Amino acid sequence: PDLDTTDIVMDGLVSMCQVIHESVAQNSAKFLAEMSRHNYVTPTSYLELLGIFSKLVGMKKLELTTARRRLKTGLDKLLTTADEVAKLQAELATMRPMLEEAVKESVTTMEKISVDTKVAEETKALVQKEEAQASKKTIETQAIADDAQRDLNEALPALDAALQSLKSLNRTDVVEVRALQRPPDGVRLVIEAVCIMRGVKP
C-alpha cells in the first residue's frame, strides 16, 4: 500500500516489522510446544498490518488536517476580529472628544433648561398674581362703572329738567336774581355751581 510517508517513518516501519516477525516466530514456536498447534505467519499478515497502519496514518492525517483547518479558521477569525477591534478603537478614539463635547453640551443644556424652567415658573406665578389683581381691578372698575351709570341715570332726568328750566329763563329772571341782596340757599348753590363750571370764582 501507498503509505505516503517520509524515509524516517519508513525505516521505523521496517524495523517494527522485523521486531514483529521475530516476536511472532518465537511465540509461534512456544505456542506449538505448549499447545501442539501450528501458527503460520505469511506475507499476507504483514500486508494486512501495513494496510492497518496505512489506514491509521490516513485517519490521523485527516484529523490533523481538519484540526489545522479549524485552527486556521479560528486564527483568521481572531485576526479579523482583532482588525475590527483596532478599527473600532480608532473610531472610538476619534469620536471620544466629540462624545465628551456632546456630554458637556448636554449638561449645559440641562442646566439652562433648569434655570429657564425656574424663571418660567416664577413668571407664571407673577402673571397669575397680576391676572388675579387685574381681575379684581376689573370687578372693582365694573362696580364703579355700574355705580356711575346708576348715578348718571338718576342725574339725567334732573339735567333734562334743568335744561328745560334754562330754556324757560328770560332776561327778567336774570335781572331779578341780580337784584336779590340775599338770595335763597338754593339759588346761591346753583349760581356757585355755574361759576365753578365756568371757571369763575364764586
Protein backbone atom coordinates (compact mmCIF):
# COMPACT_ATOMS: atom_id res chain seq x y z
CA PRO A 1 0.00 0.00 0.00
CA ASP A 2 0.96 3.63 -0.58
CA LEU A 3 1.85 4.98 2.85
CA ASP A 4 2.83 8.42 1.56
CA THR A 5 5.31 8.95 4.38
CA THR A 6 8.87 10.06 4.97
CA ASP A 7 12.03 7.92 4.86
CA ILE A 8 12.43 8.18 8.62
CA VAL A 9 8.94 6.82 9.19
CA MET A 10 9.52 4.10 6.58
CA ASP A 11 12.77 2.99 8.31
CA GLY A 12 10.90 2.80 11.59
CA LEU A 13 8.15 0.79 9.95
CA VAL A 14 10.73 -1.71 8.58
CA SER A 15 12.32 -2.08 12.00
CA MET A 16 8.92 -2.61 13.55
CA CYS A 17 8.08 -5.33 11.02
CA GLN A 18 11.34 -7.12 11.83
CA VAL A 19 10.61 -7.00 15.55
CA ILE A 20 7.07 -8.24 14.99
CA HIS A 21 8.32 -11.03 12.68
CA GLU A 22 10.86 -12.26 15.20
CA SER A 23 8.38 -11.97 18.04
CA VAL A 24 5.67 -13.86 16.15
CA ALA A 25 8.18 -16.59 15.17
CA GLN A 26 9.28 -17.03 18.78
CA ASN A 27 5.74 -17.05 20.12
CA SER A 28 4.60 -19.43 17.35
CA ALA A 29 7.30 -21.94 18.40
CA LYS A 30 6.23 -21.54 22.01
CA PHE A 31 2.59 -21.95 21.00
CA LEU A 32 3.48 -25.17 19.11
CA ALA A 33 5.40 -26.56 22.10
CA GLU A 34 2.70 -25.82 24.61
CA MET A 35 -0.45 -26.34 22.58
CA SER A 36 0.82 -28.64 19.79
CA ARG A 37 -0.78 -26.29 17.28
CA HIS A 38 0.85 -24.53 14.34
CA ASN A 39 0.59 -20.77 13.73
CA TYR A 40 1.53 -19.81 10.21
CA VAL A 41 2.97 -16.37 9.53
CA THR A 42 2.50 -15.41 5.86
CA PRO A 43 3.31 -12.27 3.85
CA THR A 44 -0.42 -11.54 3.80
CA SER A 45 -0.33 -10.93 7.55
CA TYR A 46 2.30 -8.24 7.07
CA LEU A 47 0.41 -6.72 4.19
CA GLU A 48 -2.68 -6.53 6.41
CA LEU A 49 -0.53 -4.94 9.12
CA LEU A 50 0.74 -2.40 6.63
CA GLY A 51 -2.80 -1.77 5.43
CA ILE A 52 -3.99 -1.14 9.01
CA PHE A 53 -1.01 1.14 9.57
CA SER A 54 -1.76 2.99 6.33
CA LYS A 55 -5.40 3.35 7.34
CA LEU A 56 -4.44 4.69 10.79
CA VAL A 57 -1.98 7.09 9.20
CA GLY A 58 -4.71 8.32 6.83
CA MET A 59 -7.16 8.78 9.70
CA LYS A 60 -4.58 10.70 11.72
CA LYS A 61 -3.69 12.84 8.72
CA LEU A 62 -7.36 13.61 8.21
CA GLU A 63 -7.74 14.50 11.88
CA LEU A 64 -4.65 16.70 11.75
CA THR A 65 -5.79 18.33 8.50
CA THR A 66 -9.24 19.00 9.95
CA ALA A 67 -7.73 20.31 13.17
CA ARG A 68 -5.30 22.50 11.20
CA ARG A 69 -8.15 23.82 9.05
CA ARG A 70 -10.20 24.61 12.14
CA LEU A 71 -7.22 26.22 13.79
CA LYS A 72 -6.53 28.32 10.70
CA THR A 73 -10.20 29.35 10.51
CA GLY A 74 -10.14 30.28 14.18
CA LEU A 75 -6.91 32.24 13.76
CA ASP A 76 -8.32 34.01 10.70
CA LYS A 77 -11.42 34.96 12.68
CA LEU A 78 -9.27 36.12 15.58
CA LEU A 79 -7.13 38.20 13.23
CA THR A 80 -10.24 39.63 11.55
CA THR A 81 -11.77 40.36 14.93
CA ALA A 82 -8.53 41.97 16.07
CA ASP A 83 -8.54 44.19 12.97
CA GLU A 84 -12.17 45.13 13.56
CA VAL A 85 -11.46 45.86 17.23
CA ALA A 86 -8.50 48.02 16.23
CA LYS A 87 -10.70 49.92 13.78
CA LEU A 88 -13.42 50.36 16.41
CA GLN A 89 -10.84 51.56 18.92
CA ALA A 90 -9.50 54.04 16.38
CA GLU A 91 -13.04 55.28 15.64
CA LEU A 92 -13.76 55.49 19.35
CA ALA A 93 -10.57 57.46 19.93
CA THR A 94 -11.62 59.83 17.14
CA MET A 95 -15.16 60.14 18.46
CA ARG A 96 -14.20 60.45 22.14
CA PRO A 97 -13.63 64.25 22.02
CA MET A 98 -16.94 64.63 20.17
CA LEU A 99 -18.69 62.46 22.75
CA GLU A 100 -17.15 64.43 25.62
CA GLU A 101 -18.19 67.69 23.94
CA ALA A 102 -21.70 66.33 23.44
CA VAL A 103 -21.87 65.36 27.11
CA LYS A 104 -20.73 68.84 28.13
CA GLU A 105 -23.31 70.42 25.84
CA SER A 106 -25.98 68.14 27.26
CA VAL A 107 -25.05 69.12 30.82
CA THR A 108 -25.05 72.82 29.88
CA THR A 109 -28.40 72.43 28.12
CA MET A 110 -29.90 70.65 31.12
CA GLU A 111 -28.64 73.39 33.44
CA LYS A 112 -30.07 76.08 31.14
CA ILE A 113 -33.38 74.21 30.94
CA SER A 114 -33.44 74.02 34.74
CA VAL A 115 -32.80 77.77 35.03
CA ASP A 116 -35.34 78.58 32.30
CA THR A 117 -37.89 76.32 33.99
CA LYS A 118 -37.39 78.12 37.28
CA VAL A 119 -37.72 81.52 35.58
CA ALA A 120 -40.80 80.31 33.70
CA GLU A 121 -42.39 79.11 36.93
CA GLU A 122 -41.62 82.43 38.64
CA THR A 123 -43.00 84.32 35.64
CA LYS A 124 -46.10 82.12 35.61
CA ALA A 125 -46.68 82.78 39.30
CA LEU A 126 -46.21 86.53 38.73
CA VAL A 127 -48.56 86.50 35.73
CA GLN A 128 -51.17 84.57 37.69
CA LYS A 129 -50.85 87.09 40.54
CA GLU A 130 -51.17 90.02 38.11
CA GLU A 131 -54.12 88.32 36.42
CA ALA A 132 -55.79 87.91 39.79
CA GLN A 133 -55.13 91.57 40.59
CA ALA A 134 -56.34 92.61 37.13
CA SER A 135 -59.46 90.51 37.55
CA LYS A 136 -60.07 92.13 40.92
CA LYS A 137 -59.49 95.59 39.41
CA THR A 138 -61.85 94.73 36.57
CA ILE A 139 -64.54 93.73 39.03
CA GLU A 140 -63.95 96.91 41.07
CA THR A 141 -63.91 99.05 37.90
CA GLN A 142 -67.10 97.43 36.69
CA ALA A 143 -68.69 98.09 40.06
CA ILE A 144 -67.61 101.75 39.85
CA ALA A 145 -68.89 101.96 36.28
CA ASP A 146 -72.19 100.44 37.35
CA ASP A 147 -72.45 102.94 40.20
CA ALA A 148 -71.57 105.81 37.85
CA GLN A 149 -74.15 104.58 35.36
CA ARG A 150 -76.77 104.45 38.08
CA ASP A 151 -75.82 107.95 39.23
CA LEU A 152 -75.93 109.14 35.63
CA ASN A 153 -79.29 107.52 35.11
CA GLU A 154 -80.52 109.26 38.20
CA ALA A 155 -78.92 112.60 37.20
CA LEU A 156 -80.16 112.65 33.61
CA PRO A 157 -83.76 113.47 34.49
CA ALA A 158 -82.56 116.30 36.72
CA LEU A 159 -80.31 117.54 33.90
CA ASP A 160 -83.17 117.42 31.44
CA ALA A 161 -85.31 119.29 33.90
CA ALA A 162 -82.56 121.86 34.41
CA LEU A 163 -82.15 122.32 30.66
CA GLN A 164 -85.89 122.81 30.31
CA SER A 165 -85.81 125.34 33.12
CA LEU A 166 -82.85 127.08 31.48
CA LYS A 167 -84.73 127.34 28.23
CA SER A 168 -87.61 128.96 30.09
CA LEU A 169 -85.37 131.66 31.64
CA ASN A 170 -85.61 135.16 30.26
CA ARG A 171 -83.86 138.47 30.82
CA THR A 172 -86.29 139.46 33.53
CA ASP A 173 -85.43 136.34 35.58
CA VAL A 174 -81.72 137.15 35.37
CA VAL A 175 -82.28 140.76 36.40
CA GLU A 176 -84.43 139.55 39.28
CA VAL A 177 -81.67 137.23 40.51
CA ARG A 178 -79.09 140.04 40.27
CA ALA A 179 -81.33 142.30 42.26
CA LEU A 180 -81.51 139.93 45.20
CA GLN A 181 -79.45 141.18 48.12
CA ARG A 182 -79.60 137.85 49.97
CA PRO A 183 -80.68 135.17 47.50
CA PRO A 184 -82.12 131.91 48.88
CA ASP A 185 -79.75 128.98 49.54
CA GLY A 186 -80.96 127.04 46.52
CA VAL A 187 -80.24 129.99 44.23
CA ARG A 188 -76.78 130.51 45.79
CA LEU A 189 -75.94 126.81 45.33
CA VAL A 190 -76.93 126.88 41.66
CA ILE A 191 -75.01 130.10 40.97
CA GLU A 192 -71.89 128.74 42.70
CA ALA A 193 -72.08 125.55 40.66
CA VAL A 194 -72.38 127.57 37.42
CA CYS A 195 -69.38 129.69 38.45
CA ILE A 196 -67.28 126.59 39.14
CA MET A 197 -68.26 125.14 35.77
CA ARG A 198 -67.34 128.44 34.04
CA GLY A 199 -64.03 128.74 35.91
CA VAL A 200 -65.15 131.93 37.71
CA LYS A 201 -64.59 132.49 41.42
CA PRO A 202 -67.97 132.11 43.15
